[in-house]
Amino acid sequence: MLDHPSYSPDLTPSNYHLSLRSIGGRIVGSVWWFFTLIIISSYTANLAAFLTVERMVTPINSADDLVKQTEVEYGTLRYSSTQEFFKRSKINVYARMWEFMNSRKHVFVSSYEEGIRRVRESKGKYAFLMESTKNDYTNERQPCDTMKVGRNLDAKGYGVATPLGSNLRDQLNLAVLSLKEKGDLARLENKWWFDRSECRNGDTKESSQNELTLSNVAGCFYILIGGLVLAMVVALLEFCYKARIEAVRSKVRCL
């Protein structure tokens, strides 16, 4: 028989009853069940969010994946070199992509800004095909909610136009080749594209899913510890009070 707290269980299979008569025991029981409820609710909510995200994400990792599905639309800049690439391509995958885009004129956009905005507002239902240089730069800028998927579909270089027969052409060619051989062009690209990235804190889509860590539920443990401390204090006061009552009763009996 226990008095602090007092339990009166009935262990028969058909009837189980557990009562806590002391105030401290009731506090411990209430805090524990509240703690358990919060932990289970937090875990369930985190699991549901994870499963929802996994279900919503379409596994698009290449041009082949785009061709094999119709849920995610894709387009490019109207009258651009990228559009001409798909239009003139003899590769089966790219030709099928052009047929898809050409049959849906609304997938083409008039500017890069419009295409990027459309990606952000589509909630994963639109992919914008653009030059890799612009793509990489955009993905490193706020609000860090876009990502590059798959490898480059084609490789082309940029050129500097000069008047026909201009002496500057050879000088520019030599200067560009010299910068490329020395690695200056690569260093400049890293400096302005990646070293000054605005998405260094894991804000991109490539970052892993947020996990439910101990720090996220630290408040629940604080409540549990506080409840236990309060229960101990109440139990101590209750014990002192009952001890005093028993002492008074003993004196009365002696008299």
Protein backbone atom coordinates (compact mmCIF):
# COMPACT_ATOMS: atom_id res chain seq x y z
CA MET A 1 0.00 0.00 0.00
CA LEU A 2 1.38 3.38 -1.05
CA ASP A 3 0.18 6.67 0.33
CA HIS A 4 2.18 9.18 -1.82
CA PRO A 5 0.76 8.68 -4.39
CA SER A 6 -1.87 6.08 -3.55
CA TYR A 7 -2.77 3.42 -6.12
CA SER A 8 -5.67 1.00 -6.03
CA PRO A 9 -5.37 -1.12 -9.20
CA ASP A 10 -7.66 -4.00 -10.10
CA LEU A 11 -5.66 -6.39 -12.30
CA THR A 12 -8.59 -8.42 -13.58
CA PRO A 13 -8.75 -8.51 -17.41
CA SER A 14 -12.30 -7.18 -17.52
CA ASN A 15 -11.77 -4.23 -15.21
CA TYR A 16 -8.66 -2.10 -14.70
CA HIS A 17 -8.81 0.97 -12.53
CA LEU A 18 -6.01 3.27 -11.43
CA SER A 19 -6.64 6.24 -9.21
CA LEU A 20 -4.29 8.92 -7.99
CA ARG A 21 -5.54 10.41 -4.73
CA SER A 22 -2.61 12.69 -3.94
CA ILE A 23 -2.36 16.09 -5.62
CA GLY A 24 1.30 15.53 -6.51
CA GLY A 25 0.47 12.23 -8.22
CA ARG A 26 -2.31 13.88 -10.21
CA ILE A 27 0.08 16.61 -11.35
CA VAL A 28 2.64 14.01 -12.47
CA GLY A 29 -0.02 12.06 -14.35
CA SER A 30 -1.47 15.15 -16.03
CA VAL A 31 1.93 16.49 -17.10
CA TRP A 32 3.03 13.10 -18.39
CA TRP A 33 -0.08 12.60 -20.53
CA PHE A 34 0.19 16.17 -21.84
CA PHE A 35 3.84 15.56 -22.72
CA THR A 36 2.98 12.29 -24.47
CA LEU A 37 0.16 13.91 -26.44
CA ILE A 38 2.39 16.76 -27.67
CA ILE A 39 5.23 14.41 -28.69
CA ILE A 40 2.88 12.10 -30.62
CA SER A 41 1.14 15.07 -32.28
CA SER A 42 4.46 16.64 -33.32
CA TYR A 43 5.75 13.37 -34.76
CA THR A 44 2.50 12.72 -36.62
CA ALA A 45 2.45 16.24 -38.09
CA ASN A 46 6.08 16.00 -39.19
CA LEU A 47 5.52 12.58 -40.75
CA ALA A 48 2.39 13.76 -42.58
CA ALA A 49 4.24 16.80 -43.96
CA PHE A 50 7.13 14.62 -45.12
CA LEU A 51 4.85 12.16 -46.89
CA THR A 52 2.90 15.02 -48.51
CA VAL A 53 6.07 16.61 -49.88
CA GLU A 54 7.35 13.28 -51.15
CA ARG A 55 4.04 12.66 -52.91
CA MET A 56 3.91 16.13 -54.48
CA VAL A 57 7.49 16.14 -55.84
CA THR A 58 7.60 14.86 -59.40
CA PRO A 59 10.80 12.90 -60.12
CA ILE A 60 12.09 15.05 -63.00
CA ASN A 61 15.83 14.59 -63.36
CA SER A 62 16.39 14.73 -67.11
CA ALA A 63 14.86 15.55 -70.48
CA ASP A 64 13.72 11.92 -70.76
CA ASP A 65 11.69 12.32 -67.58
CA LEU A 66 9.97 15.41 -69.00
CA VAL A 67 9.04 13.59 -72.21
CA LYS A 68 7.61 10.59 -70.37
CA GLN A 69 5.06 12.64 -68.41
CA THR A 70 2.40 15.28 -69.07
CA GLU A 71 1.72 16.59 -65.56
CA VAL A 72 4.57 19.11 -65.62
CA GLU A 73 4.49 21.47 -68.58
CA TYR A 74 7.69 22.96 -69.95
CA GLY A 75 8.57 25.78 -72.27
CA THR A 76 11.28 28.22 -73.24
CA LEU A 77 11.89 31.79 -74.32
CA ARG A 78 10.02 32.68 -77.50
CA TYR A 79 12.23 33.39 -80.55
CA SER A 80 15.38 32.47 -78.61
CA SER A 81 18.37 30.30 -79.45
CA THR A 82 16.98 27.67 -77.07
CA GLN A 83 13.74 27.53 -79.02
CA GLU A 84 15.68 27.21 -82.27
CA PHE A 85 17.73 24.39 -80.76
CA PHE A 86 14.63 22.30 -80.05
CA LYS A 87 13.01 23.28 -83.34
CA ARG A 88 15.98 22.14 -85.43
CA SER A 89 17.09 19.18 -83.32
CA LYS A 90 17.07 15.72 -84.92
CA ILE A 91 17.52 13.92 -81.62
CA ASN A 92 14.38 11.97 -80.81
CA VAL A 93 13.97 13.20 -77.23
CA TYR A 94 14.43 16.86 -78.13
CA ALA A 95 12.19 16.51 -81.18
CA ARG A 96 9.41 15.10 -79.00
CA MET A 97 9.89 17.95 -76.55
CA TRP A 98 9.50 20.43 -79.41
CA GLU A 99 6.29 18.72 -80.53
CA PHE A 100 4.95 19.03 -77.00
CA MET A 101 5.84 22.72 -76.72
CA ASN A 102 4.72 23.59 -80.23
CA SER A 103 1.30 22.04 -79.59
CA ARG A 104 0.90 24.19 -76.48
CA LYS A 105 1.78 27.74 -77.45
CA HIS A 106 1.07 29.02 -73.96
CA VAL A 107 4.23 27.36 -72.60
CA PHE A 108 6.42 29.93 -74.37
CA VAL A 109 7.27 33.18 -72.57
CA SER A 110 8.40 36.60 -73.76
CA SER A 111 11.21 37.14 -71.24
CA TYR A 112 13.38 35.30 -68.74
CA GLU A 113 11.69 37.17 -65.90
CA GLU A 114 8.28 35.91 -67.04
CA GLY A 115 9.53 32.33 -67.26
CA ILE A 116 11.15 32.42 -63.83
CA ARG A 117 8.04 33.97 -62.30
CA ARG A 118 5.90 31.29 -63.92
CA VAL A 119 8.08 28.55 -62.42
CA ARG A 120 7.70 30.07 -58.96
CA GLU A 121 3.95 30.46 -59.25
CA SER A 122 3.25 27.05 -60.81
CA LYS A 123 3.93 25.04 -57.63
CA GLY A 124 6.03 22.49 -59.49
CA LYS A 125 3.78 22.24 -62.55
CA TYR A 126 5.99 24.17 -64.98
CA ALA A 127 9.66 23.82 -65.99
CA PHE A 128 11.48 26.60 -67.82
CA LEU A 129 14.19 25.60 -70.29
CA MET A 130 16.85 28.30 -70.35
CA GLU A 131 20.56 28.87 -70.89
CA SER A 132 22.68 27.30 -68.18
CA THR A 133 24.52 30.55 -67.39
CA LYS A 134 21.30 32.39 -66.57
CA ASN A 135 19.94 29.29 -64.85
CA ASP A 136 22.91 28.98 -62.48
CA TYR A 137 22.83 32.69 -61.67
CA THR A 138 19.09 32.68 -60.90
CA ASN A 139 19.35 29.66 -58.62
CA GLU A 140 21.96 31.46 -56.50
CA ARG A 141 19.73 34.49 -55.87
CA GLN A 142 16.89 35.17 -53.47
CA PRO A 143 14.30 33.89 -52.79
CA CYS A 144 16.26 30.66 -53.43
CA ASP A 145 13.18 28.70 -54.51
CA THR A 146 14.36 27.39 -57.90
CA MET A 147 16.75 24.62 -58.86
CA LYS A 148 18.55 23.30 -61.91
CA VAL A 149 17.66 19.74 -62.85
CA GLY A 150 19.77 17.37 -64.92
CA ARG A 151 22.72 18.01 -67.17
CA ASN A 152 23.03 20.66 -69.87
CA LEU A 153 21.20 19.71 -73.06
CA ASP A 154 23.65 21.50 -75.33
CA ALA A 155 26.90 23.45 -75.14
CA LYS A 156 27.49 26.76 -76.87
CA GLY A 157 29.82 29.68 -76.25
CA TYR A 158 29.24 33.41 -76.18
CA GLY A 159 30.86 35.67 -78.76
CA VAL A 160 31.62 39.36 -79.09
CA ALA A 161 30.41 40.89 -82.34
CA THR A 162 32.70 43.25 -84.27
CA PRO A 163 32.31 45.03 -87.59
CA LEU A 164 33.24 42.97 -90.63
CA GLY A 165 36.99 43.13 -91.22
CA SER A 166 37.69 44.87 -87.91
CA ASN A 167 41.18 44.50 -86.43
CA LEU A 168 39.61 44.11 -82.99
CA ARG A 169 38.42 40.60 -83.80
CA ASP A 170 41.84 38.96 -83.57
CA GLN A 171 42.79 40.98 -80.50
CA LEU A 172 39.60 40.00 -78.72
CA ASN A 173 40.05 36.35 -79.68
CA LEU A 174 43.59 36.29 -78.29
CA ALA A 175 42.54 38.08 -75.11
CA VAL A 176 39.65 35.69 -74.47
CA LEU A 177 41.83 32.64 -75.12
CA SER A 178 44.50 33.98 -72.78
CA LEU A 179 41.96 34.58 -70.00
CA LYS A 180 40.55 31.09 -70.49
CA GLU A 181 43.94 29.38 -70.42
CA LYS A 182 44.95 31.21 -67.24
CA GLY A 183 41.70 30.26 -65.55
CA ASP A 184 40.63 33.87 -65.14
CA LEU A 185 37.23 33.28 -66.76
CA ALA A 186 36.49 30.39 -64.39
CA ARG A 187 37.54 32.47 -61.39
CA LEU A 188 35.35 35.36 -62.49
CA GLU A 189 32.39 33.03 -62.93
CA ASN A 190 32.87 31.57 -59.46
CA LYS A 191 33.27 35.05 -58.00
CA TRP A 192 30.07 36.53 -59.42
CA TRP A 193 27.90 33.41 -59.61
CA PHE A 194 28.75 31.24 -56.60
CA ASP A 195 31.09 33.05 -54.18
CA ARG A 196 28.50 35.81 -53.84
CA SER A 197 25.60 33.40 -53.67
CA GLU A 198 22.58 34.50 -51.65
CA CYS A 199 21.55 30.90 -50.99
CA ARG A 200 24.37 29.61 -48.80
CA ASN A 201 22.22 28.78 -45.78
CA GLY A 202 20.52 25.71 -47.25
CA ASP A 203 17.54 27.66 -48.62
CA THR A 204 17.62 25.99 -52.03
CA LYS A 205 15.40 23.14 -53.09
CA GLU A 206 18.40 20.84 -53.11
CA SER A 207 18.69 21.07 -49.34
CA SER A 208 17.50 18.12 -47.31
CA GLN A 209 14.15 18.01 -45.65
CA ASN A 210 13.95 19.58 -42.19
CA GLU A 211 13.97 16.95 -39.48
CA LEU A 212 12.18 16.94 -36.15
CA THR A 213 15.12 17.46 -33.78
CA LEU A 214 15.35 17.68 -30.01
CA SER A 215 15.50 21.47 -30.16
CA ASN A 216 12.10 21.54 -31.88
CA VAL A 217 10.44 19.79 -28.96
CA ALA A 218 12.58 21.23 -26.17
CA GLY A 219 9.56 23.13 -24.85
CA CYS A 220 7.74 19.85 -24.18
CA PHE A 221 10.64 18.61 -22.06
CA TYR A 222 10.72 21.90 -20.18
CA ILE A 223 7.04 21.45 -19.37
CA LEU A 224 7.70 17.85 -18.27
CA ILE A 225 10.59 18.85 -16.01
CA GLY A 226 8.64 21.80 -14.61
CA GLY A 227 5.67 19.56 -13.91
CA LEU A 228 7.85 17.01 -12.11
CA VAL A 229 9.46 19.72 -9.99
CA LEU A 230 6.04 21.15 -9.15
CA ALA A 231 4.75 17.69 -8.27
CA MET A 232 7.73 17.09 -5.97
CA VAL A 233 7.16 20.41 -4.21
CA VAL A 234 3.44 19.71 -3.81
CA ALA A 235 4.15 16.17 -2.59
CA LEU A 236 6.65 17.51 -0.05
CA LEU A 237 4.15 20.09 1.22
CA GLU A 238 1.44 17.47 1.32
CA PHE A 239 3.72 15.13 3.26
CA CYS A 240 4.60 17.86 5.77
CA TYR A 241 0.94 18.77 6.16
CA LYS A 242 -0.13 15.17 6.77
CA ALA A 243 2.79 14.61 9.13
CA ARG A 244 1.69 17.62 11.13
CA ILE A 245 -1.90 16.38 11.20
CA GLU A 246 -0.73 12.96 12.38
CA ALA A 247 1.39 14.59 15.09
CA VAL A 248 -1.60 16.59 16.32
CA ARG A 249 -3.76 13.45 16.34
CA SER A 250 -1.10 11.57 18.31
CA LYS A 251 -1.01 14.32 20.96
CA VAL A 252 -4.78 14.26 21.22
CA ARG A 253 -4.77 10.48 21.70
CA CYS A 254 -2.09 10.74 24.38
CA LEU A 255 -4.14 13.28 26.28
